[in-house]
Amino acid sequence: MAAKKSKKKKGPVISPDFMDKQREALKRTHRQVIYFNEKEMAAINEYCRQFKISAKSVLYRKAIMERVLEGLDENHPTLF
């Protein structure tokens, strides 16, 4: 039996200029420094070991942004 070739689904064609602008808008240029005490660092290291996380910056960014966005969502401005 011959194997069927799978066809790639083609999505909408996106302009390379648009993609360059998107990449530039998402570029991280603002640096922040965080200091942890020994207990906090031990907890973070244990968490990373348990869940096999090697990129701690991704963990920090995700945790911070989840909390920030959650706070903004809960305290959105109201008209009345």
C-alpha atoms as a PDB file:
ATOM      1  CA  MET A   1       0.000   0.000   0.000  1.00  0.00           C
ATOM      2  CA  ALA A   2       1.372   3.421  -0.904  1.00  0.00           C
ATOM      3  CA  ALA A   3       1.663   5.959   1.878  1.00  0.00           C
ATOM      4  CA  LYS A   4      -0.493   9.022   1.460  1.00  0.00           C
ATOM      5  CA  LYS A   5       1.335  12.284   1.263  1.00  0.00           C
ATOM      6  CA  SER A   6      -0.021  14.800   3.698  1.00  0.00           C
ATOM      7  CA  LYS A   7      -0.680  18.195   2.238  1.00  0.00           C
ATOM      8  CA  LYS A   8       0.320  21.250   4.183  1.00  0.00           C
ATOM      9  CA  LYS A   9      -2.539  23.574   4.899  1.00  0.00           C
ATOM     10  CA  LYS A  10      -1.721  26.997   3.638  1.00  0.00           C
ATOM     11  CA  GLY A  11      -2.834  29.892   5.766  1.00  0.00           C
ATOM     12  CA  PRO A  12      -3.101  33.501   4.767  1.00  0.00           C
ATOM     13  CA  VAL A  13       0.018  35.024   3.244  1.00  0.00           C
ATOM     14  CA  ILE A  14       1.593  37.490   5.672  1.00  0.00           C
ATOM     15  CA  SER A  15       3.751  40.348   4.482  1.00  0.00           C
ATOM     16  CA  PRO A  16       7.425  40.115   5.538  1.00  0.00           C
ATOM     17  CA  ASP A  17       7.296  43.818   6.478  1.00  0.00           C
ATOM     18  CA  PHE A  18       4.425  43.104   8.867  1.00  0.00           C
ATOM     19  CA  MET A  19       6.346  40.215  10.442  1.00  0.00           C
ATOM     20  CA  ASP A  20       9.440  42.421  10.905  1.00  0.00           C
ATOM     21  CA  LYS A  21       7.320  45.051  12.679  1.00  0.00           C
ATOM     22  CA  GLN A  22       5.770  42.375  14.918  1.00  0.00           C
ATOM     23  CA  ARG A  23       9.172  40.977  15.870  1.00  0.00           C
ATOM     24  CA  GLU A  24      10.499  44.468  16.600  1.00  0.00           C
ATOM     25  CA  ALA A  25       7.475  45.278  18.790  1.00  0.00           C
ATOM     26  CA  LEU A  26       8.064  42.138  20.870  1.00  0.00           C
ATOM     27  CA  LYS A  27      11.797  42.720  21.348  1.00  0.00           C
ATOM     28  CA  ARG A  28      12.666  42.933  25.041  1.00  0.00           C
ATOM     29  CA  THR A  29      14.787  46.004  25.690  1.00  0.00           C
ATOM     30  CA  HIS A  30      14.033  46.894  29.327  1.00  0.00           C
ATOM     31  CA  ARG A  31      16.241  45.199  31.904  1.00  0.00           C
ATOM     32  CA  GLN A  32      15.139  44.554  35.497  1.00  0.00           C
ATOM     33  CA  VAL A  33      17.178  43.007  38.297  1.00  0.00           C
ATOM     34  CA  ILE A  34      15.680  40.894  41.088  1.00  0.00           C
ATOM     35  CA  TYR A  35      17.437  39.859  44.290  1.00  0.00           C
ATOM     36  CA  PHE A  36      16.380  36.757  46.249  1.00  0.00           C
ATOM     37  CA  ASN A  37      17.383  35.635  49.735  1.00  0.00           C
ATOM     38  CA  GLU A  38      18.712  32.112  50.363  1.00  0.00           C
ATOM     39  CA  LYS A  39      15.310  30.571  51.185  1.00  0.00           C
ATOM     40  CA  GLU A  40      13.627  32.095  48.138  1.00  0.00           C
ATOM     41  CA  MET A  41      16.432  30.929  45.848  1.00  0.00           C
ATOM     42  CA  ALA A  42      16.333  27.442  47.346  1.00  0.00           C
ATOM     43  CA  ALA A  43      12.567  27.272  46.714  1.00  0.00           C
ATOM     44  CA  ILE A  44      13.007  28.441  43.113  1.00  0.00           C
ATOM     45  CA  ASN A  45      15.806  25.937  42.504  1.00  0.00           C
ATOM     46  CA  GLU A  46      13.703  23.107  43.949  1.00  0.00           C
ATOM     47  CA  TYR A  47      10.724  24.092  41.789  1.00  0.00           C
ATOM     48  CA  CYS A  48      12.922  24.193  38.680  1.00  0.00           C
ATOM     49  CA  ARG A  49      14.442  20.815  39.551  1.00  0.00           C
ATOM     50  CA  GLN A  50      11.038  19.181  40.098  1.00  0.00           C
ATOM     51  CA  PHE A  51       9.510  20.542  36.900  1.00  0.00           C
ATOM     52  CA  LYS A  52      12.716  20.339  34.821  1.00  0.00           C
ATOM     53  CA  ILE A  53      12.852  24.072  34.082  1.00  0.00           C
ATOM     54  CA  SER A  54      16.188  25.209  32.727  1.00  0.00           C
ATOM     55  CA  ALA A  55      15.350  28.794  31.689  1.00  0.00           C
ATOM     56  CA  LYS A  56      14.572  30.646  34.910  1.00  0.00           C
ATOM     57  CA  SER A  57      14.059  33.962  33.121  1.00  0.00           C
ATOM     58  CA  VAL A  58      11.060  32.455  31.325  1.00  0.00           C
ATOM     59  CA  LEU A  59       9.683  31.268  34.680  1.00  0.00           C
ATOM     60  CA  TYR A  60      10.107  34.711  36.257  1.00  0.00           C
ATOM     61  CA  ARG A  61       8.624  36.543  33.268  1.00  0.00           C
ATOM     62  CA  LYS A  62       5.622  34.230  33.069  1.00  0.00           C
ATOM     63  CA  ALA A  63       4.908  34.376  36.824  1.00  0.00           C
ATOM     64  CA  ILE A  64       5.219  38.152  36.968  1.00  0.00           C
ATOM     65  CA  MET A  65       3.140  38.829  33.864  1.00  0.00           C
ATOM     66  CA  GLU A  66       0.399  36.401  34.937  1.00  0.00           C
ATOM     67  CA  ARG A  67       0.110  38.236  38.254  1.00  0.00           C
ATOM     68  CA  VAL A  68       0.211  41.685  36.650  1.00  0.00           C
ATOM     69  CA  LEU A  69      -2.399  40.854  34.017  1.00  0.00           C
ATOM     70  CA  GLU A  70      -4.612  39.161  36.622  1.00  0.00           C
ATOM     71  CA  GLY A  71      -4.439  42.285  38.800  1.00  0.00           C
ATOM     72  CA  LEU A  72      -5.261  44.555  35.888  1.00  0.00           C
ATOM     73  CA  ASP A  73      -8.174  42.331  34.910  1.00  0.00           C
ATOM     74  CA  GLU A  74      -9.593  42.373  38.446  1.00  0.00           C
ATOM     75  CA  ASN A  75      -9.238  46.144  38.805  1.00  0.00           C
ATOM     76  CA  HIS A  76     -10.325  47.314  35.395  1.00  0.00           C
ATOM     77  CA  PRO A  77     -11.796  50.829  35.236  1.00  0.00           C
ATOM     78  CA  THR A  78     -15.558  51.115  35.430  1.00  0.00           C
ATOM     79  CA  LEU A  79     -17.842  53.781  34.075  1.00  0.00           C
ATOM     80  CA  PHE A  80     -20.371  53.717  36.898  1.00  0.00           C
END
